[in-house]
Every structure is written in structure tokens, then in C-alpha cells.
């Protein structure tokens, strides 16, 4: 504890993270799902994570990209 006042190191209490107030952890509704194997790119669908989507060309699991 740097100041001996029970606050602990900087950045460990709630609300001291690097995100701004109201900023989401998620990437958002826009963006694309991309196949890491063949490069096929499809528009991301709301409420469907890219890692649960299979590539229509090769069947590989897609990854998220903005």
C-alpha cells in the first residue's frame, strides 16, 4: 500500500480501469467475421459471436475484425 491508507496500488479499485465511462468491452454491432484459414469475410450478425460461426467456404471457425 503506497500511502498506507488502504487504497492499494493505483488501478486496483473499481472504476479505475482504462476504459472511459460508458465505453463497452464489446466490439459493437458493426464489423466483420473473417476466416483465418481462407480469408473469407462476412458481415457480423448482431447477437451471434463470430467464434460460433463457421466459414461457408472451408468450415473453419471465424474470428472478429472491425
N, C-alpha and C. Protein backbone atom coordinates (compact mmCIF):
# COMPACT_ATOMS: atom_id res chain seq x y z
N UNK A 1 0.83 -1.17 0.00
CA UNK A 1 0.00 0.00 0.00
C UNK A 1 0.89 1.24 0.00
N UNK A 2 0.84 1.99 -1.07
CA UNK A 2 1.78 3.09 -1.21
C UNK A 2 1.61 4.21 -0.19
N UNK A 3 0.39 4.55 0.19
CA UNK A 3 0.17 5.66 1.12
C UNK A 3 -0.29 5.20 2.50
N UNK A 4 -0.32 3.90 2.72
CA UNK A 4 -0.77 3.31 3.99
C UNK A 4 -2.17 3.77 4.39
N UNK A 5 -3.03 3.99 3.38
CA UNK A 5 -4.40 4.39 3.66
C UNK A 5 -5.40 3.37 3.12
N UNK A 6 -4.94 2.14 2.91
CA UNK A 6 -5.77 1.02 2.45
C UNK A 6 -6.30 1.18 1.03
N UNK A 7 -5.67 2.03 0.22
CA UNK A 7 -6.13 2.19 -1.16
C UNK A 7 -5.46 1.19 -2.09
N UNK A 8 -4.31 0.67 -1.72
CA UNK A 8 -3.59 -0.28 -2.57
C UNK A 8 -2.95 0.41 -3.75
N UNK A 9 -2.33 -0.37 -4.64
CA UNK A 9 -1.69 0.19 -5.82
C UNK A 9 -2.70 0.87 -6.74
N UNK A 10 -2.25 1.82 -7.50
CA UNK A 10 -3.10 2.53 -8.43
C UNK A 10 -3.72 1.57 -9.44
N UNK A 11 -5.00 1.72 -9.69
CA UNK A 11 -5.66 0.92 -10.71
C UNK A 11 -6.29 -0.36 -10.22
N UNK A 12 -6.34 -0.60 -8.92
CA UNK A 12 -6.91 -1.85 -8.44
C UNK A 12 -8.32 -1.69 -7.90
N UNK A 13 -8.77 -0.49 -7.65
CA UNK A 13 -10.13 -0.29 -7.16
C UNK A 13 -11.10 -0.21 -8.31
N UNK A 14 -12.37 -0.46 -8.02
CA UNK A 14 -13.41 -0.37 -9.04
C UNK A 14 -13.46 1.03 -9.62
N UNK A 15 -13.62 1.13 -10.93
CA UNK A 15 -13.73 2.42 -11.58
C UNK A 15 -12.41 3.05 -11.96
N UNK A 16 -11.30 2.33 -11.78
CA UNK A 16 -10.01 2.91 -12.11
C UNK A 16 -9.40 2.26 -13.35
N UNK A 17 -10.22 1.56 -14.13
CA UNK A 17 -9.73 0.91 -15.34
C UNK A 17 -9.40 1.89 -16.44
N UNK A 18 -8.99 1.40 -17.57
CA UNK A 18 -8.56 2.26 -18.68
C UNK A 18 -9.70 2.70 -19.59
N UNK A 19 -10.87 2.06 -19.49
CA UNK A 19 -12.00 2.45 -20.33
C UNK A 19 -12.64 3.71 -19.81
N UNK A 20 -13.22 4.47 -20.70
CA UNK A 20 -13.96 5.67 -20.30
C UNK A 20 -15.34 5.26 -19.80
N UNK A 21 -15.98 6.13 -19.06
CA UNK A 21 -17.31 5.86 -18.54
C UNK A 21 -18.28 5.62 -19.70
N UNK A 22 -19.02 4.54 -19.63
CA UNK A 22 -19.99 4.21 -20.65
C UNK A 22 -19.42 3.46 -21.84
N UNK A 23 -18.11 3.28 -21.90
CA UNK A 23 -17.48 2.57 -23.02
C UNK A 23 -17.63 1.07 -22.81
N UNK A 24 -18.05 0.39 -23.83
CA UNK A 24 -18.32 -1.04 -23.75
C UNK A 24 -17.05 -1.86 -23.97
N UNK A 25 -17.05 -3.08 -23.43
CA UNK A 25 -15.96 -4.02 -23.65
C UNK A 25 -16.10 -4.65 -25.03
N UNK A 26 -17.34 -4.84 -25.46
CA UNK A 26 -17.61 -5.48 -26.73
C UNK A 26 -17.19 -4.61 -27.91
N UNK A 27 -17.01 -5.24 -29.06
CA UNK A 27 -16.57 -4.55 -30.26
C UNK A 27 -17.67 -3.71 -30.88
N UNK A 28 -18.92 -4.07 -30.67
CA UNK A 28 -20.04 -3.32 -31.24
C UNK A 28 -20.76 -4.13 -32.29
N UNK A 29 -21.78 -3.53 -32.88
CA UNK A 29 -22.60 -4.27 -33.84
C UNK A 29 -22.02 -4.24 -35.25
N UNK A 30 -21.19 -3.25 -35.54
CA UNK A 30 -20.57 -3.20 -36.86
C UNK A 30 -19.34 -4.08 -36.88
N UNK A 31 -18.88 -4.40 -38.04
CA UNK A 31 -17.67 -5.19 -38.16
C UNK A 31 -17.90 -6.44 -39.01
N UNK A 32 -16.88 -7.27 -39.06
CA UNK A 32 -16.91 -8.44 -39.90
C UNK A 32 -16.40 -9.67 -39.17
N UNK A 33 -16.82 -10.82 -39.64
CA UNK A 33 -16.27 -12.09 -39.21
C UNK A 33 -15.37 -12.55 -40.36
N UNK A 34 -14.13 -12.89 -40.04
CA UNK A 34 -13.15 -13.26 -41.06
C UNK A 34 -12.64 -14.66 -40.78
N UNK A 35 -12.48 -15.45 -41.82
CA UNK A 35 -11.92 -16.79 -41.70
C UNK A 35 -10.40 -16.69 -41.68
N UNK A 36 -9.74 -17.21 -40.63
CA UNK A 36 -8.28 -17.14 -40.56
C UNK A 36 -7.59 -18.08 -41.54
N UNK A 37 -8.33 -19.05 -42.06
CA UNK A 37 -7.74 -20.04 -42.97
C UNK A 37 -7.78 -19.58 -44.43
N UNK A 38 -8.97 -19.19 -44.91
CA UNK A 38 -9.10 -18.84 -46.34
C UNK A 38 -9.30 -17.35 -46.59
N UNK A 39 -9.58 -16.57 -45.52
CA UNK A 39 -9.73 -15.13 -45.68
C UNK A 39 -11.13 -14.67 -46.06
N UNK A 40 -12.10 -15.58 -46.11
CA UNK A 40 -13.48 -15.21 -46.43
C UNK A 40 -14.00 -14.23 -45.38
N UNK A 41 -14.74 -13.22 -45.82
CA UNK A 41 -15.19 -12.14 -44.95
C UNK A 41 -16.70 -12.00 -45.07
N UNK A 42 -17.40 -12.02 -43.92
CA UNK A 42 -18.85 -11.84 -43.90
C UNK A 42 -19.21 -10.79 -42.87
N UNK A 43 -20.32 -10.11 -43.08
CA UNK A 43 -20.79 -9.08 -42.15
C UNK A 43 -21.18 -9.73 -40.83
N UNK A 44 -20.76 -9.13 -39.72
CA UNK A 44 -21.10 -9.65 -38.40
C UNK A 44 -22.59 -9.51 -38.15
N UNK A 45 -23.21 -10.56 -37.60
CA UNK A 45 -24.63 -10.53 -37.28
C UNK A 45 -24.79 -10.26 -35.79
N UNK A 46 -25.69 -9.35 -35.46
CA UNK A 46 -25.94 -8.98 -34.07
C UNK A 46 -26.35 -10.22 -33.26
N UNK A 47 -25.80 -10.33 -32.06
CA UNK A 47 -26.09 -11.40 -31.09
C UNK A 47 -25.56 -12.77 -31.51
N UNK A 48 -24.74 -12.84 -32.54
CA UNK A 48 -24.13 -14.10 -32.96
C UNK A 48 -22.61 -13.91 -32.94
N UNK A 49 -21.92 -14.46 -31.94
CA UNK A 49 -20.48 -14.30 -31.88
C UNK A 49 -19.79 -14.94 -33.08
N UNK A 50 -18.76 -14.28 -33.58
CA UNK A 50 -18.04 -14.80 -34.74
C UNK A 50 -17.41 -16.16 -34.45
N UNK A 51 -16.98 -16.38 -33.20
CA UNK A 51 -16.34 -17.66 -32.89
C UNK A 51 -17.32 -18.83 -32.84
N UNK A 52 -18.61 -18.55 -33.00
CA UNK A 52 -19.60 -19.62 -33.12
C UNK A 52 -20.07 -19.78 -34.56
N UNK A 53 -19.51 -18.99 -35.47
CA UNK A 53 -19.86 -19.02 -36.88
C UNK A 53 -18.81 -19.80 -37.66
N UNK A 54 -19.24 -20.66 -38.56
CA UNK A 54 -18.33 -21.42 -39.40
C UNK A 54 -18.23 -20.76 -40.78
N UNK A 55 -17.07 -20.84 -41.39
CA UNK A 55 -16.84 -20.29 -42.73
C UNK A 55 -17.67 -21.08 -43.74
N UNK A 56 -18.31 -20.36 -44.64
CA UNK A 56 -19.15 -21.02 -45.65
C UNK A 56 -18.32 -21.71 -46.73
N UNK A 57 -17.06 -21.32 -46.88
CA UNK A 57 -16.20 -21.91 -47.90
C UNK A 57 -15.42 -23.13 -47.41
N UNK A 58 -14.80 -23.01 -46.20
CA UNK A 58 -13.93 -24.09 -45.75
C UNK A 58 -14.35 -24.73 -44.43
N UNK A 59 -15.31 -24.13 -43.70
CA UNK A 59 -15.79 -24.71 -42.47
C UNK A 59 -14.99 -24.34 -41.22
N UNK A 60 -13.98 -23.50 -41.36
CA UNK A 60 -13.16 -23.06 -40.24
C UNK A 60 -13.94 -22.09 -39.35
N UNK A 61 -13.64 -22.02 -38.06
CA UNK A 61 -14.27 -21.07 -37.16
C UNK A 61 -13.81 -19.66 -37.48
N UNK A 62 -14.77 -18.74 -37.56
CA UNK A 62 -14.47 -17.35 -37.91
C UNK A 62 -13.95 -16.59 -36.70
N UNK A 63 -13.27 -15.46 -36.95
CA UNK A 63 -12.79 -14.56 -35.90
C UNK A 63 -13.30 -13.17 -36.19
N UNK A 64 -13.39 -12.34 -35.15
CA UNK A 64 -13.95 -10.99 -35.28
C UNK A 64 -12.90 -10.00 -35.74
N UNK A 65 -13.31 -9.07 -36.61
CA UNK A 65 -12.48 -7.99 -37.07
C UNK A 65 -13.35 -6.77 -37.28
N UNK A 66 -12.78 -5.58 -37.06
CA UNK A 66 -13.55 -4.34 -37.23
C UNK A 66 -13.56 -3.87 -38.66
